[in-house]
């Protein structure tokens, strides 16, 4: 089986030759081709080349256009700072929606209108053209809570949950419409999977999550499914209090950060949910040795059971020793 066959077969619930291998890799990829990360972020050709070379070198089953969380916000007019060798960053002190009333005047940008979203679609198209017959291709959108925080400012949005939930719902509605339009462009370009990153959702409790965030995540997931693509949910941080709701979204893959016990997620989500992760990317991967990496990922696999994909809790750090990455590869290759 090649990576694309393995991924799609596993998502369908059928037997595969080995465990799928899908770690989050971004800065690590740029380093593999000797590129500055600022170029990876701003030049779709560098992003595609880095992803393809890394996936082929290490036998990863997917390629992705993940780079930073600022693409949608940038196209909405948010102020973004770019760096030579670091991810792009949103200037929260000058948030695009610092004035709530400006939401009424904000239009959903065209993801094929020449902005940063268009660059990501171009990267995905190039990856599809070059390796789409043998690697699964994953696009990416920001989830409702994460993108709302990007546009409004994280701290301000947290206060809005208490002070103005009606505004939060209006903002989430805008974000989901934008995400679905962006996802559509990526599916049309060949994406098999759309990743949904909703990191800010880990900062709120289960009541706010169930009442305000979950309905919009569900609308986004259902909309992507209607396009014919699978969904991979990635929420950084401690999601222990919301794993039940995450499981009810119906995503094909749920990533778990290292804060959230795999066995707790398995109990909350049931036996059929595919789980990915979740060793500590720093202490248990970058700062470890190959033997302990194998032990850590084996314990995750034991807790997750058969419906499991090999990966770290979040992004593989750029300076992770290659023998430690190889330990992930070897574990996946030795387990069917």
C-alpha atoms as a PDB file:
ATOM      1  CA  UNK A   1       0.000   0.000   0.000  1.00  0.00           C
ATOM      2  CA  UNK A   2       1.146   3.544  -0.605  1.00  0.00           C
ATOM      3  CA  UNK A   3       0.361   6.384   1.793  1.00  0.00           C
ATOM      4  CA  UNK A   4      -2.827   7.518   0.111  1.00  0.00           C
ATOM      5  CA  UNK A   5      -4.212   4.001  -0.163  1.00  0.00           C
ATOM      6  CA  UNK A   6      -3.293   3.277   3.440  1.00  0.00           C
ATOM      7  CA  UNK A   7      -4.887   6.468   4.733  1.00  0.00           C
ATOM      8  CA  UNK A   8      -8.159   6.206   2.847  1.00  0.00           C
ATOM      9  CA  UNK A   9      -8.484   2.487   3.570  1.00  0.00           C
ATOM     10  CA  UNK A  10      -7.884   3.033   7.280  1.00  0.00           C
ATOM     11  CA  UNK A  11     -10.406   5.887   7.408  1.00  0.00           C
ATOM     12  CA  UNK A  12     -12.935   3.533   5.827  1.00  0.00           C
ATOM     13  CA  UNK A  13     -12.459   1.099   8.699  1.00  0.00           C
ATOM     14  CA  UNK A  14     -10.701  -1.565   6.653  1.00  0.00           C
ATOM     15  CA  UNK A  15      -7.456  -3.424   7.327  1.00  0.00           C
ATOM     16  CA  UNK A  16      -4.136  -1.877   6.321  1.00  0.00           C
ATOM     17  CA  UNK A  17      -0.587  -3.185   6.091  1.00  0.00           C
ATOM     18  CA  UNK A  18       0.729  -0.952   8.889  1.00  0.00           C
ATOM     19  CA  UNK A  19      -0.339   1.858  11.197  1.00  0.00           C
ATOM     20  CA  UNK A  20      -0.735   5.161   9.357  1.00  0.00           C
ATOM     21  CA  UNK A  21       1.980   7.725  10.106  1.00  0.00           C
ATOM     22  CA  UNK A  22       0.835  11.352  10.148  1.00  0.00           C
ATOM     23  CA  UNK A  23       2.868  13.585  12.495  1.00  0.00           C
ATOM     24  CA  UNK A  24       2.371  17.345  12.234  1.00  0.00           C
ATOM     25  CA  UNK A  25       5.517  18.674  10.546  1.00  0.00           C
ATOM     26  CA  UNK A  26       6.088  22.247   9.399  1.00  0.00           C
ATOM     27  CA  UNK A  27       9.329  23.891  10.568  1.00  0.00           C
ATOM     28  CA  UNK A  28      10.878  20.421  10.530  1.00  0.00           C
ATOM     29  CA  UNK A  29      10.007  20.204   6.815  1.00  0.00           C
ATOM     30  CA  UNK A  30      11.604  23.510   5.905  1.00  0.00           C
ATOM     31  CA  UNK A  31      14.803  22.417   7.607  1.00  0.00           C
ATOM     32  CA  UNK A  32      14.881  19.212   5.551  1.00  0.00           C
ATOM     33  CA  UNK A  33      15.405  21.221   2.350  1.00  0.00           C
ATOM     34  CA  UNK A  34      17.501  23.965   3.943  1.00  0.00           C
ATOM     35  CA  UNK A  35      14.811  26.616   3.519  1.00  0.00           C
ATOM     36  CA  UNK A  36      14.103  29.526   5.837  1.00  0.00           C
ATOM     37  CA  UNK A  37      10.716  29.170   7.444  1.00  0.00           C
ATOM     38  CA  UNK A  38       9.771  32.660   6.339  1.00  0.00           C
ATOM     39  CA  UNK A  39      10.032  31.405   2.758  1.00  0.00           C
ATOM     40  CA  UNK A  40       8.017  28.279   3.616  1.00  0.00           C
ATOM     41  CA  UNK A  41       5.255  30.526   4.972  1.00  0.00           C
ATOM     42  CA  UNK A  42       5.216  32.988   2.086  1.00  0.00           C
ATOM     43  CA  UNK A  43       6.129  30.920  -1.013  1.00  0.00           C
ATOM     44  CA  UNK A  44       3.818  28.046  -1.876  1.00  0.00           C
ATOM     45  CA  UNK A  45       6.506  26.383  -3.984  1.00  0.00           C
ATOM     46  CA  UNK A  46       8.856  26.151  -1.002  1.00  0.00           C
ATOM     47  CA  UNK A  47       6.054  24.803   1.196  1.00  0.00           C
ATOM     48  CA  UNK A  48       5.116  22.129  -1.326  1.00  0.00           C
ATOM     49  CA  UNK A  49       8.715  21.110  -1.974  1.00  0.00           C
ATOM     50  CA  UNK A  50       9.465  20.830   1.750  1.00  0.00           C
ATOM     51  CA  UNK A  51       6.373  18.756   2.460  1.00  0.00           C
ATOM     52  CA  UNK A  52       6.952  16.408  -0.461  1.00  0.00           C
ATOM     53  CA  UNK A  53      10.643  15.850   0.273  1.00  0.00           C
ATOM     54  CA  UNK A  54       9.975  15.222   3.965  1.00  0.00           C
ATOM     55  CA  UNK A  55       7.060  12.850   3.383  1.00  0.00           C
ATOM     56  CA  UNK A  56       9.039  10.844   0.852  1.00  0.00           C
ATOM     57  CA  UNK A  57      12.224  10.765   2.917  1.00  0.00           C
ATOM     58  CA  UNK A  58      10.522   9.548   6.089  1.00  0.00           C
ATOM     59  CA  UNK A  59       7.623   7.583   4.646  1.00  0.00           C
ATOM     60  CA  UNK A  60       4.880   9.818   6.030  1.00  0.00           C
ATOM     61  CA  UNK A  61       1.460   9.036   4.614  1.00  0.00           C
ATOM     62  CA  UNK A  62       0.295  12.605   4.010  1.00  0.00           C
ATOM     63  CA  UNK A  63       1.432  15.985   2.789  1.00  0.00           C
ATOM     64  CA  UNK A  64      -0.207  19.158   4.050  1.00  0.00           C
ATOM     65  CA  UNK A  65      -0.317  22.903   3.425  1.00  0.00           C
ATOM     66  CA  UNK A  66      -0.166  23.749   7.148  1.00  0.00           C
ATOM     67  CA  UNK A  67       2.178  26.655   7.905  1.00  0.00           C
ATOM     68  CA  UNK A  68       0.741  29.168  10.375  1.00  0.00           C
ATOM     69  CA  UNK A  69      -2.667  30.299  11.717  1.00  0.00           C
ATOM     70  CA  UNK A  70      -2.699  33.682   9.995  1.00  0.00           C
ATOM     71  CA  UNK A  71      -3.847  32.951   6.438  1.00  0.00           C
ATOM     72  CA  UNK A  72      -7.570  33.635   6.826  1.00  0.00           C
ATOM     73  CA  UNK A  73      -7.007  36.570   9.164  1.00  0.00           C
ATOM     74  CA  UNK A  74      -4.486  38.076   6.777  1.00  0.00           C
ATOM     75  CA  UNK A  75      -6.958  37.969   3.912  1.00  0.00           C
ATOM     76  CA  UNK A  76      -9.502  39.640   6.201  1.00  0.00           C
ATOM     77  CA  UNK A  77      -7.117  42.575   6.634  1.00  0.00           C
ATOM     78  CA  UNK A  78      -5.521  41.670   9.964  1.00  0.00           C
ATOM     79  CA  UNK A  79      -2.044  42.997  10.652  1.00  0.00           C
ATOM     80  CA  UNK A  80       0.481  40.188  10.298  1.00  0.00           C
ATOM     81  CA  UNK A  81       4.178  40.186  11.142  1.00  0.00           C
ATOM     82  CA  UNK A  82       6.493  37.978   9.100  1.00  0.00           C
ATOM     83  CA  UNK A  83       9.868  36.735  10.237  1.00  0.00           C
ATOM     84  CA  UNK A  84      12.886  35.334   8.418  1.00  0.00           C
ATOM     85  CA  UNK A  85      12.852  31.935  10.079  1.00  0.00           C
ATOM     86  CA  UNK A  86       9.784  31.752  12.309  1.00  0.00           C
ATOM     87  CA  UNK A  87       6.003  31.411  11.746  1.00  0.00           C
ATOM     88  CA  UNK A  88       3.927  34.434  10.821  1.00  0.00           C
ATOM     89  CA  UNK A  89       2.193  36.077  13.776  1.00  0.00           C
ATOM     90  CA  UNK A  90      -1.004  38.081  14.159  1.00  0.00           C
ATOM     91  CA  UNK A  91      -0.579  41.442  15.909  1.00  0.00           C
ATOM     92  CA  UNK A  92      -3.226  41.044  18.596  1.00  0.00           C
ATOM     93  CA  UNK A  93      -2.809  44.590  19.918  1.00  0.00           C
ATOM     94  CA  UNK A  94      -4.192  45.787  16.572  1.00  0.00           C
ATOM     95  CA  UNK A  95      -6.859  43.113  16.136  1.00  0.00           C
ATOM     96  CA  UNK A  96      -8.927  43.359  12.956  1.00  0.00           C
ATOM     97  CA  UNK A  97     -12.177  43.267  14.956  1.00  0.00           C
ATOM     98  CA  UNK A  98     -11.081  45.279  17.970  1.00  0.00           C
ATOM     99  CA  UNK A  99     -14.247  47.253  17.235  1.00  0.00           C
ATOM    100  CA  UNK A 100     -17.116  44.776  17.298  1.00  0.00           C
ATOM    101  CA  UNK A 101     -19.172  46.898  14.953  1.00  0.00           C
ATOM    102  CA  UNK A 102     -16.620  46.378  12.173  1.00  0.00           C
ATOM    103  CA  UNK A 103     -17.857  42.782  11.831  1.00  0.00           C
ATOM    104  CA  UNK A 104     -20.914  44.154  10.031  1.00  0.00           C
ATOM    105  CA  UNK A 105     -18.674  45.647   7.354  1.00  0.00           C
ATOM    106  CA  UNK A 106     -16.309  42.696   7.005  1.00  0.00           C
ATOM    107  CA  UNK A 107     -16.776  40.646   3.850  1.00  0.00           C
ATOM    108  CA  UNK A 108     -15.683  37.034   3.415  1.00  0.00           C
ATOM    109  CA  UNK A 109     -12.509  37.136   1.301  1.00  0.00           C
ATOM    110  CA  UNK A 110     -12.197  35.113  -1.876  1.00  0.00           C
ATOM    111  CA  UNK A 111      -9.819  32.193  -1.155  1.00  0.00           C
ATOM    112  CA  UNK A 112      -8.757  32.356  -4.799  1.00  0.00           C
ATOM    113  CA  UNK A 113      -8.358  36.115  -4.812  1.00  0.00           C
ATOM    114  CA  UNK A 114      -4.582  36.278  -4.734  1.00  0.00           C
ATOM    115  CA  UNK A 115      -4.108  36.423  -0.955  1.00  0.00           C
ATOM    116  CA  UNK A 116      -2.514  34.065   1.539  1.00  0.00           C
ATOM    117  CA  UNK A 117      -5.344  31.554   1.310  1.00  0.00           C
ATOM    118  CA  UNK A 118      -4.785  31.412  -2.432  1.00  0.00           C
ATOM    119  CA  UNK A 119      -1.098  30.678  -1.818  1.00  0.00           C
ATOM    120  CA  UNK A 120      -2.062  27.713   0.374  1.00  0.00           C
ATOM    121  CA  UNK A 121      -4.446  26.415  -2.288  1.00  0.00           C
ATOM    122  CA  UNK A 122      -1.636  26.693  -4.829  1.00  0.00           C
ATOM    123  CA  UNK A 123       0.638  24.661  -2.546  1.00  0.00           C
ATOM    124  CA  UNK A 124      -2.007  21.992  -2.224  1.00  0.00           C
ATOM    125  CA  UNK A 125      -2.553  21.884  -5.990  1.00  0.00           C
ATOM    126  CA  UNK A 126       1.170  21.418  -6.550  1.00  0.00           C
ATOM    127  CA  UNK A 127       1.381  18.625  -3.984  1.00  0.00           C
ATOM    128  CA  UNK A 128      -1.646  16.927  -5.520  1.00  0.00           C
ATOM    129  CA  UNK A 129      -0.054  17.116  -8.957  1.00  0.00           C
ATOM    130  CA  UNK A 130       3.283  15.717  -7.840  1.00  0.00           C
ATOM    131  CA  UNK A 131       2.443  13.102  -5.174  1.00  0.00           C
ATOM    132  CA  UNK A 132      -1.340  12.956  -4.935  1.00  0.00           C
ATOM    133  CA  UNK A 133      -1.422   9.469  -6.398  1.00  0.00           C
ATOM    134  CA  UNK A 134       0.722   8.074  -3.570  1.00  0.00           C
ATOM    135  CA  UNK A 135       0.289  10.426  -0.601  1.00  0.00           C
ATOM    136  CA  UNK A 136      -2.945  11.628   0.975  1.00  0.00           C
ATOM    137  CA  UNK A 137      -3.264  15.395   0.620  1.00  0.00           C
ATOM    138  CA  UNK A 138      -4.494  17.434   3.576  1.00  0.00           C
ATOM    139  CA  UNK A 139      -5.716  21.018   3.484  1.00  0.00           C
ATOM    140  CA  UNK A 140      -6.250  23.216   6.512  1.00  0.00           C
ATOM    141  CA  UNK A 141      -8.711  25.734   7.934  1.00  0.00           C
ATOM    142  CA  UNK A 142      -8.903  27.511  11.270  1.00  0.00           C
ATOM    143  CA  UNK A 143     -11.839  26.456  13.449  1.00  0.00           C
ATOM    144  CA  UNK A 144     -14.481  28.867  14.760  1.00  0.00           C
ATOM    145  CA  UNK A 145     -12.899  29.588  18.133  1.00  0.00           C
ATOM    146  CA  UNK A 146      -9.337  29.865  16.831  1.00  0.00           C
ATOM    147  CA  UNK A 147     -10.180  32.151  13.918  1.00  0.00           C
ATOM    148  CA  UNK A 148     -12.469  34.289  16.058  1.00  0.00           C
ATOM    149  CA  UNK A 149      -9.529  34.760  18.427  1.00  0.00           C
ATOM    150  CA  UNK A 150      -7.299  35.655  15.478  1.00  0.00           C
ATOM    151  CA  UNK A 151      -9.709  38.363  14.359  1.00  0.00           C
ATOM    152  CA  UNK A 152     -10.926  39.655  17.703  1.00  0.00           C
ATOM    153  CA  UNK A 153      -7.895  39.033  19.918  1.00  0.00           C
ATOM    154  CA  UNK A 154      -7.672  36.012  22.192  1.00  0.00           C
ATOM    155  CA  UNK A 155      -8.117  37.784  25.517  1.00  0.00           C
ATOM    156  CA  UNK A 156     -10.939  39.939  24.225  1.00  0.00           C
ATOM    157  CA  UNK A 157     -12.769  36.912  22.822  1.00  0.00           C
ATOM    158  CA  UNK A 158     -12.554  35.145  26.185  1.00  0.00           C
ATOM    159  CA  UNK A 159     -14.310  38.125  27.776  1.00  0.00           C
ATOM    160  CA  UNK A 160     -16.881  38.171  24.978  1.00  0.00           C
ATOM    161  CA  UNK A 161     -18.021  34.679  26.027  1.00  0.00           C
ATOM    162  CA  UNK A 162     -19.268  36.270  29.238  1.00  0.00           C
ATOM    163  CA  UNK A 163     -20.120  39.780  28.096  1.00  0.00           C
ATOM    164  CA  UNK A 164     -21.675  39.336  24.656  1.00  0.00           C
ATOM    165  CA  UNK A 165     -22.448  35.746  23.599  1.00  0.00           C
ATOM    166  CA  UNK A 166     -24.717  37.076  20.848  1.00  0.00           C
ATOM    167  CA  UNK A 167     -21.725  38.751  19.224  1.00  0.00           C
ATOM    168  CA  UNK A 168     -19.690  35.565  19.618  1.00  0.00           C
ATOM    169  CA  UNK A 169     -22.331  33.636  17.705  1.00  0.00           C
ATOM    170  CA  UNK A 170     -22.357  36.234  14.923  1.00  0.00           C
ATOM    171  CA  UNK A 171     -18.579  36.093  14.720  1.00  0.00           C
ATOM    172  CA  UNK A 172     -18.562  32.286  14.676  1.00  0.00           C
ATOM    173  CA  UNK A 173     -21.152  32.308  11.915  1.00  0.00           C
ATOM    174  CA  UNK A 174     -18.900  34.550   9.800  1.00  0.00           C
ATOM    175  CA  UNK A 175     -15.864  32.389  10.507  1.00  0.00           C
ATOM    176  CA  UNK A 176     -17.585  29.111   9.589  1.00  0.00           C
ATOM    177  CA  UNK A 177     -18.865  30.550   6.309  1.00  0.00           C
ATOM    178  CA  UNK A 178     -15.340  31.710   5.494  1.00  0.00           C
ATOM    179  CA  UNK A 179     -13.815  28.365   6.494  1.00  0.00           C
ATOM    180  CA  UNK A 180     -16.260  26.438   4.323  1.00  0.00           C
ATOM    181  CA  UNK A 181     -15.508  28.644   1.329  1.00  0.00           C
ATOM    182  CA  UNK A 182     -11.782  28.121   1.911  1.00  0.00           C
ATOM    183  CA  UNK A 183     -12.258  24.375   2.401  1.00  0.00           C
ATOM    184  CA  UNK A 184     -14.227  24.170  -0.845  1.00  0.00           C
ATOM    185  CA  UNK A 185     -11.312  25.700  -2.759  1.00  0.00           C
ATOM    186  CA  UNK A 186      -8.928  23.177  -1.206  1.00  0.00           C
ATOM    187  CA  UNK A 187     -11.167  20.189  -1.908  1.00  0.00           C
ATOM    188  CA  UNK A 188     -11.513  21.364  -5.498  1.00  0.00           C
ATOM    189  CA  UNK A 189      -7.705  21.480  -5.647  1.00  0.00           C
ATOM    190  CA  UNK A 190      -7.462  17.853  -4.560  1.00  0.00           C
ATOM    191  CA  UNK A 191      -7.580  17.687  -0.764  1.00  0.00           C
ATOM    192  CA  UNK A 192      -8.555  14.276   0.594  1.00  0.00           C
ATOM    193  CA  UNK A 193      -8.663  15.565   4.179  1.00  0.00           C
ATOM    194  CA  UNK A 194      -9.297  18.989   5.654  1.00  0.00           C
ATOM    195  CA  UNK A 195      -7.600  19.645   8.979  1.00  0.00           C
ATOM    196  CA  UNK A 196      -9.486  21.908  11.376  1.00  0.00           C
ATOM    197  CA  UNK A 197      -7.307  23.700  13.923  1.00  0.00           C
ATOM    198  CA  UNK A 198      -9.275  25.133  16.828  1.00  0.00           C
ATOM    199  CA  UNK A 199      -6.626  25.632  19.497  1.00  0.00           C
ATOM    200  CA  UNK A 200      -8.446  28.361  21.425  1.00  0.00           C
ATOM    201  CA  UNK A 201     -11.272  25.938  22.206  1.00  0.00           C
ATOM    202  CA  UNK A 202      -9.031  24.240  24.777  1.00  0.00           C
ATOM    203  CA  UNK A 203      -9.058  27.418  26.863  1.00  0.00           C
ATOM    204  CA  UNK A 204     -12.761  27.336  27.682  1.00  0.00           C
ATOM    205  CA  UNK A 205     -14.754  25.017  29.894  1.00  0.00           C
ATOM    206  CA  UNK A 206     -17.268  22.388  28.800  1.00  0.00           C
ATOM    207  CA  UNK A 207     -20.299  24.627  29.308  1.00  0.00           C
ATOM    208  CA  UNK A 208     -19.107  27.336  26.928  1.00  0.00           C
ATOM    209  CA  UNK A 209     -17.773  24.694  24.565  1.00  0.00           C
ATOM    210  CA  UNK A 210     -21.051  22.783  24.373  1.00  0.00           C
ATOM    211  CA  UNK A 211     -23.231  25.879  24.191  1.00  0.00           C
ATOM    212  CA  UNK A 212     -21.236  28.203  21.944  1.00  0.00           C
ATOM    213  CA  UNK A 213     -18.345  26.458  20.202  1.00  0.00           C
ATOM    214  CA  UNK A 214     -19.530  22.920  19.485  1.00  0.00           C
ATOM    215  CA  UNK A 215     -22.546  23.851  17.297  1.00  0.00           C
ATOM    216  CA  UNK A 216     -20.279  25.831  14.963  1.00  0.00           C
ATOM    217  CA  UNK A 217     -17.555  23.191  14.872  1.00  0.00           C
ATOM    218  CA  UNK A 218     -20.294  20.705  13.989  1.00  0.00           C
ATOM    219  CA  UNK A 219     -21.569  22.940  11.188  1.00  0.00           C
ATOM    220  CA  UNK A 220     -18.035  23.191   9.817  1.00  0.00           C
ATOM    221  CA  UNK A 221     -17.392  19.442  10.020  1.00  0.00           C
ATOM    222  CA  UNK A 222     -20.716  18.599   8.386  1.00  0.00           C
ATOM    223  CA  UNK A 223     -20.061  21.113   5.618  1.00  0.00           C
ATOM    224  CA  UNK A 224     -16.655  19.612   4.832  1.00  0.00           C
ATOM    225  CA  UNK A 225     -18.159  16.122   4.800  1.00  0.00           C
ATOM    226  CA  UNK A 226     -20.764  17.329   2.316  1.00  0.00           C
ATOM    227  CA  UNK A 227     -17.862  18.238  -0.002  1.00  0.00           C
ATOM    228  CA  UNK A 228     -16.652  14.637   0.093  1.00  0.00           C
ATOM    229  CA  UNK A 229     -13.555  15.207   2.249  1.00  0.00           C
ATOM    230  CA  UNK A 230     -12.585  13.677   5.591  1.00  0.00           C
ATOM    231  CA  UNK A 231     -11.913  15.860   8.656  1.00  0.00           C
ATOM    232  CA  UNK A 232      -8.956  15.837  11.022  1.00  0.00           C
ATOM    233  CA  UNK A 233      -9.588  17.847  14.203  1.00  0.00           C
ATOM    234  CA  UNK A 234      -6.583  19.364  15.945  1.00  0.00           C
ATOM    235  CA  UNK A 235      -7.100  21.266  19.205  1.00  0.00           C
ATOM    236  CA  UNK A 236      -3.855  22.124  20.966  1.00  0.00           C
ATOM    237  CA  UNK A 237      -3.750  22.095  24.755  1.00  0.00           C
ATOM    238  CA  UNK A 238      -5.655  20.250  27.442  1.00  0.00           C
ATOM    239  CA  UNK A 239      -8.951  19.071  26.004  1.00  0.00           C
ATOM    240  CA  UNK A 240      -9.777  16.612  28.790  1.00  0.00           C
ATOM    241  CA  UNK A 241     -12.968  18.455  29.723  1.00  0.00           C
ATOM    242  CA  UNK A 242     -14.313  18.605  26.156  1.00  0.00           C
ATOM    243  CA  UNK A 243     -13.277  15.252  24.654  1.00  0.00           C
ATOM    244  CA  UNK A 244     -16.848  13.970  24.782  1.00  0.00           C
ATOM    245  CA  UNK A 245     -18.023  16.834  22.584  1.00  0.00           C
ATOM    246  CA  UNK A 246     -15.041  16.441  20.262  1.00  0.00           C
ATOM    247  CA  UNK A 247     -16.012  12.825  19.775  1.00  0.00           C
ATOM    248  CA  UNK A 248     -19.590  13.778  18.883  1.00  0.00           C
ATOM    249  CA  UNK A 249     -18.453  15.969  15.991  1.00  0.00           C
ATOM    250  CA  UNK A 250     -18.043  12.959  13.705  1.00  0.00           C
ATOM    251  CA  UNK A 251     -14.488  13.761  12.556  1.00  0.00           C
ATOM    252  CA  UNK A 252     -12.614  10.892  10.971  1.00  0.00           C
ATOM    253  CA  UNK A 253      -9.453  11.733  12.935  1.00  0.00           C
ATOM    254  CA  UNK A 254      -9.078  13.453  16.301  1.00  0.00           C
ATOM    255  CA  UNK A 255      -5.595  14.635  17.280  1.00  0.00           C
ATOM    256  CA  UNK A 256      -4.797  14.615  20.992  1.00  0.00           C
ATOM    257  CA  UNK A 257      -2.237  16.946  22.512  1.00  0.00           C
ATOM    258  CA  UNK A 258      -0.058  15.427  25.209  1.00  0.00           C
ATOM    259  CA  UNK A 259      -2.038  17.094  28.021  1.00  0.00           C
ATOM    260  CA  UNK A 260      -5.046  14.872  27.327  1.00  0.00           C
ATOM    261  CA  UNK A 261      -4.768  11.199  28.389  1.00  0.00           C
ATOM    262  CA  UNK A 262      -5.385   8.860  25.486  1.00  0.00           C
ATOM    263  CA  UNK A 263      -7.304   6.364  27.614  1.00  0.00           C
ATOM    264  CA  UNK A 264      -9.666   9.097  28.823  1.00  0.00           C
ATOM    265  CA  UNK A 265     -10.322  10.173  25.251  1.00  0.00           C
ATOM    266  CA  UNK A 266     -10.946   6.598  24.211  1.00  0.00           C
ATOM    267  CA  UNK A 267     -13.494   6.101  26.987  1.00  0.00           C
ATOM    268  CA  UNK A 268     -15.256   9.350  26.080  1.00  0.00           C
ATOM    269  CA  UNK A 269     -15.275   8.851  22.311  1.00  0.00           C
ATOM    270  CA  UNK A 270     -15.896   5.116  22.045  1.00  0.00           C
ATOM    271  CA  UNK A 271     -14.017   2.379  20.188  1.00  0.00           C
ATOM    272  CA  UNK A 272     -14.512   3.550  16.604  1.00  0.00           C
ATOM    273  CA  UNK A 273     -13.059   7.063  16.763  1.00  0.00           C
ATOM    274  CA  UNK A 274      -9.601   7.275  15.197  1.00  0.00           C
ATOM    275  CA  UNK A 275      -7.161   8.909  17.637  1.00  0.00           C
ATOM    276  CA  UNK A 276      -3.786  10.404  16.732  1.00  0.00           C
ATOM    277  CA  UNK A 277      -0.920  11.241  19.048  1.00  0.00           C
ATOM    278  CA  UNK A 278      -0.010  12.050  21.647  1.00  0.00           C
ATOM    279  CA  UNK A 279       3.482  11.977  23.108  1.00  0.00           C
ATOM    280  CA  UNK A 280       4.952  15.235  24.415  1.00  0.00           C
ATOM    281  CA  UNK A 281       6.720  16.716  21.365  1.00  0.00           C
ATOM    282  CA  UNK A 282       9.500  18.191  23.482  1.00  0.00           C
ATOM    283  CA  UNK A 283      10.159  15.956  26.479  1.00  0.00           C
ATOM    284  CA  UNK A 284       9.139  12.622  24.939  1.00  0.00           C
ATOM    285  CA  UNK A 285      10.286  13.218  21.360  1.00  0.00           C
ATOM    286  CA  UNK A 286      12.901  15.948  20.889  1.00  0.00           C
ATOM    287  CA  UNK A 287      14.605  15.562  24.276  1.00  0.00           C
ATOM    288  CA  UNK A 288      14.316  11.786  24.462  1.00  0.00           C
ATOM    289  CA  UNK A 289      16.139   8.876  22.856  1.00  0.00           C
ATOM    290  CA  UNK A 290      14.891   6.399  20.295  1.00  0.00           C
ATOM    291  CA  UNK A 291      14.202   3.681  22.852  1.00  0.00           C
ATOM    292  CA  UNK A 292      12.039   5.914  25.049  1.00  0.00           C
ATOM    293  CA  UNK A 293      10.223   7.315  22.000  1.00  0.00           C
ATOM    294  CA  UNK A 294       9.270   3.766  21.080  1.00  0.00           C
ATOM    295  CA  UNK A 295       8.070   3.094  24.620  1.00  0.00           C
ATOM    296  CA  UNK A 296       6.013   6.301  24.704  1.00  0.00           C
ATOM    297  CA  UNK A 297       4.294   5.722  21.375  1.00  0.00           C
ATOM    298  CA  UNK A 298       3.639   2.086  22.267  1.00  0.00           C
ATOM    299  CA  UNK A 299       1.822   3.212  25.410  1.00  0.00           C
ATOM    300  CA  UNK A 300      -0.321   5.625  23.382  1.00  0.00           C
ATOM    301  CA  UNK A 301      -1.132   2.787  20.990  1.00  0.00           C
ATOM    302  CA  UNK A 302      -2.010   0.491  23.876  1.00  0.00           C
ATOM    303  CA  UNK A 303      -4.433   3.037  25.334  1.00  0.00           C
ATOM    304  CA  UNK A 304      -5.943   3.952  21.967  1.00  0.00           C
ATOM    305  CA  UNK A 305      -6.402   0.438  20.605  1.00  0.00           C
ATOM    306  CA  UNK A 306      -6.654  -0.468  16.944  1.00  0.00           C
ATOM    307  CA  UNK A 307      -8.139   2.810  15.672  1.00  0.00           C
ATOM    308  CA  UNK A 308      -4.883   4.678  16.057  1.00  0.00           C
ATOM    309  CA  UNK A 309      -2.519   6.801  13.952  1.00  0.00           C
ATOM    310  CA  UNK A 310       1.102   7.410  14.915  1.00  0.00           C
ATOM    311  CA  UNK A 311       2.052  11.014  15.659  1.00  0.00           C
ATOM    312  CA  UNK A 312       3.146  13.390  18.385  1.00  0.00           C
ATOM    313  CA  UNK A 313       0.869  15.514  20.571  1.00  0.00           C
ATOM    314  CA  UNK A 314       1.495  18.539  18.359  1.00  0.00           C
ATOM    315  CA  UNK A 315       4.100  19.726  15.850  1.00  0.00           C
ATOM    316  CA  UNK A 316       7.362  17.796  15.701  1.00  0.00           C
ATOM    317  CA  UNK A 317      10.024  20.329  16.807  1.00  0.00           C
ATOM    318  CA  UNK A 318      12.412  21.371  14.099  1.00  0.00           C
ATOM    319  CA  UNK A 319      15.533  20.166  15.940  1.00  0.00           C
ATOM    320  CA  UNK A 320      14.232  16.710  16.843  1.00  0.00           C
ATOM    321  CA  UNK A 321      17.002  14.125  16.415  1.00  0.00           C
ATOM    322  CA  UNK A 322      16.432  12.110  13.267  1.00  0.00           C
ATOM    323  CA  UNK A 323      16.865   8.832  15.129  1.00  0.00           C
ATOM    324  CA  UNK A 324      13.881   9.806  17.297  1.00  0.00           C
ATOM    325  CA  UNK A 325      11.753  10.514  14.236  1.00  0.00           C
ATOM    326  CA  UNK A 326      12.931   7.184  12.874  1.00  0.00           C
ATOM    327  CA  UNK A 327      11.620   5.514  16.030  1.00  0.00           C
ATOM    328  CA  UNK A 328       8.118   6.744  15.129  1.00  0.00           C
ATOM    329  CA  UNK A 329       8.574   5.420  11.617  1.00  0.00           C
ATOM    330  CA  UNK A 330       9.836   2.061  12.788  1.00  0.00           C
ATOM    331  CA  UNK A 331       6.948   1.667  15.222  1.00  0.00           C
ATOM    332  CA  UNK A 332       4.355   2.376  12.529  1.00  0.00           C
ATOM    333  CA  UNK A 333       6.091   0.026  10.094  1.00  0.00           C
ATOM    334  CA  UNK A 334       6.169  -2.825  12.611  1.00  0.00           C
ATOM    335  CA  UNK A 335       2.464  -2.729  13.567  1.00  0.00           C
ATOM    336  CA  UNK A 336      -0.366  -3.667  11.219  1.00  0.00           C
END
